Protein backbone atom coordinates (compact mmCIF):
# COMPACT_ATOMS: atom_id res chain seq x y z
CA MET A 1 7.31 7.37 5.60
CA ALA A 2 7.49 5.88 2.37
CA PHE A 3 5.43 6.90 0.04
CA MET A 4 4.56 6.33 -3.54
CA ILE A 5 3.66 8.41 -6.59
CA VAL A 6 1.22 7.78 -9.54
CA GLU A 7 3.34 8.76 -12.67
CA SER A 8 0.79 7.01 -14.93
CA GLY A 9 -2.79 5.95 -15.70
CA ASP A 10 -6.09 7.59 -13.75
CA LEU A 11 -4.65 7.84 -10.58
CA ASN A 12 -1.64 10.34 -12.03
CA GLY A 13 -0.13 12.43 -9.97
CA ARG A 14 -2.14 10.67 -6.50
CA LYS A 15 0.50 10.35 -3.37
CA ILE A 16 -0.62 7.33 -1.91
CA ASP A 17 1.16 6.90 1.73
CA LEU A 18 2.45 3.19 2.33
CA ILE A 19 1.73 1.72 5.91
CA GLY A 20 2.14 -1.93 6.63
CA SER A 21 0.78 -3.41 3.32
CA LEU A 22 -0.71 -2.37 0.59
CA VAL A 23 -2.41 -4.64 -2.40
CA ILE A 24 -2.74 -3.31 -6.01
CA GLY A 25 -5.18 -4.45 -8.95
CA ARG A 26 -8.26 -3.78 -10.54
CA GLN A 27 -10.18 -5.11 -8.00
CA ALA A 28 -8.49 -4.92 -4.67
CA ARG A 29 -10.34 -6.20 -1.90
CA GLU A 30 -8.48 -4.47 0.85
CA GLY A 31 -6.17 -2.18 -0.84
CA LEU A 32 -5.88 0.23 -3.94
CA THR A 33 -7.95 -0.37 -6.89
CA ILE A 34 -6.74 0.77 -10.12
CA LYS A 35 -8.57 1.47 -13.71
CA ASP A 36 -6.07 -0.34 -15.95
CA ALA A 37 -7.84 -3.73 -18.09
CA LYS A 38 -3.56 -4.59 -18.16
CA ALA A 39 -3.69 -5.11 -14.47
CA SER A 40 -5.35 -8.43 -12.51
CA ARG A 41 -8.02 -8.29 -9.59
CA GLU A 42 -5.03 -8.18 -7.20
CA HIS A 43 -1.96 -8.01 -9.18
CA THR A 44 0.83 -7.01 -6.68
CA ARG A 45 1.29 -6.36 -2.87
CA PHE A 46 3.84 -3.76 -1.59
CA GLU A 47 4.64 -5.14 2.20
CA LEU A 48 6.94 -3.82 4.89
CA THR A 49 9.06 -5.99 6.08
CA SER A 50 12.51 -5.79 9.11
CA GLY A 51 15.09 -5.56 5.79
CA GLY A 52 12.93 -2.72 4.29
CA TRP A 53 10.07 -2.44 1.56
CA VAL A 54 9.53 -5.58 -0.76
CA VAL A 55 7.24 -5.66 -4.10
CA MET A 56 5.97 -8.74 -5.09
CA ASP A 57 3.67 -10.03 -7.90
CA LEU A 58 0.79 -11.98 -6.83
CA GLY A 59 0.73 -14.32 -9.85
CA SER A 60 -0.92 -11.59 -12.02
CA THR A 61 -1.31 -12.92 -15.93
CA ASN A 62 1.66 -9.56 -16.82
CA GLY A 63 3.34 -9.77 -14.34
CA THR A 64 4.92 -6.85 -11.94
CA LEU A 65 7.72 -4.65 -13.24
CA LEU A 66 10.52 -3.16 -11.28
CA ASN A 67 12.77 -0.48 -13.13
CA GLY A 68 11.66 -2.52 -16.69
CA ARG A 69 12.66 -6.12 -15.22
CA LYS A 70 9.87 -8.22 -14.49
CA ILE A 71 9.85 -9.65 -10.87
CA THR A 72 8.16 -12.02 -8.24
CA ARG A 73 9.53 -10.26 -4.94
CA GLU A 74 12.41 -7.51 -4.48
CA PHE A 75 13.38 -4.95 -1.95
CA LEU A 76 12.64 -1.47 -3.28
CA ASN A 77 14.73 1.79 -2.99
CA THR A 78 14.20 5.32 -3.24
CA GLY A 79 13.16 6.29 -6.40
CA ASP A 80 12.35 2.58 -7.85
CA ARG A 81 8.82 2.22 -10.71
CA VAL A 82 7.10 -0.63 -10.14
CA THR A 83 4.69 -1.12 -13.06
CA VAL A 84 1.49 -2.55 -12.71
CA GLY A 85 -0.29 -3.32 -15.46
CA GLN A 86 0.17 0.33 -17.32
CA THR A 87 -0.16 2.39 -14.47
CA VAL A 88 3.87 3.39 -13.34
CA PHE A 89 4.50 3.81 -9.36
CA ARG A 90 7.63 5.88 -8.23
CA PHE A 91 8.32 4.38 -4.50
CA GLU A 92 10.12 6.84 -2.10
CA ASN A 93 11.17 6.38 1.22
CA PRO A 94 12.93 9.51 2.30
CA ALA A 95 14.05 7.78 5.79
CA ALA A 96 15.80 4.86 3.87
CA GLN A 97 19.39 4.19 3.08
CA PRO A 98 20.00 2.69 -0.36
CA MET A 99 20.46 -1.19 -1.06
CA THR A 100 23.90 -2.08 -3.18
CA SER A 101 21.84 -5.22 -4.85
CA THR A 102 18.09 -5.29 -4.64
CA ARG A 103 18.77 -9.36 -5.29
CA ASP A 104 20.46 -9.67 -1.64
CA MET A 105 17.47 -10.03 0.09
CA ALA A 106 18.39 -12.70 2.78
CA GLY A 107 21.42 -10.67 3.08
CA ARG A 108 19.34 -7.28 3.92
CA ALA A 109 17.13 -8.74 6.64
CA GLY A 110 20.26 -10.14 8.01
CA ALA A 111 21.91 -7.21 8.78
CA ALA A 112 19.48 -4.73 10.36
CA GLY A 113 21.06 -1.52 8.50
CA GLY A 114 24.59 -2.39 9.57
CA THR A 115 27.78 -2.98 7.80
CA THR A 116 29.91 -5.99 7.69
CA THR A 117 33.77 -5.65 7.38
CA ALA A 118 36.04 -8.44 6.21
CA PRO A 119 39.09 -8.77 8.59
CA PRO A 120 42.60 -7.16 6.59
CA PRO A 121 44.75 -10.31 5.25
CA PRO A 122 47.46 -11.49 7.44
CA ALA A 123 50.81 -9.70 7.07
CA LEU A 124 53.48 -11.66 5.15
CA PRO A 125 56.44 -12.56 6.94
CA LEU A 126 59.83 -10.17 5.77
CA ALA A 127 62.44 -12.59 4.46
CA ALA A 128 65.69 -12.47 6.71
CA SER A 129 68.78 -10.53 5.44
CA PRO A 130 71.79 -12.47 3.97
């Protein structure tokens, strides 16, 4: 089961189990409320998709950071750090295999965990000996 560890903020040290979907913000109606003046009311959503766990910014004022980079929607890998306002969450998913690129969201969804291998190039014809 995927979970997050809060690494800073009022919930520092807390483990949060992820099941299906979770909204985080200052006044999250159906999710996790954090005491963080830099967070929007409903700031970020974590969601389980067929391709894996995704984090998405919900149009927040200060943005959502994934490993220090501002994002709108990205897949998560174990050990990724998501910053909401000034609160940092470390994502952990012991059962998942890491992605090679967080930008390849469409490829991840279509691959369903498999590996695609390109066929070898055709053999070059041998020249006849004189």
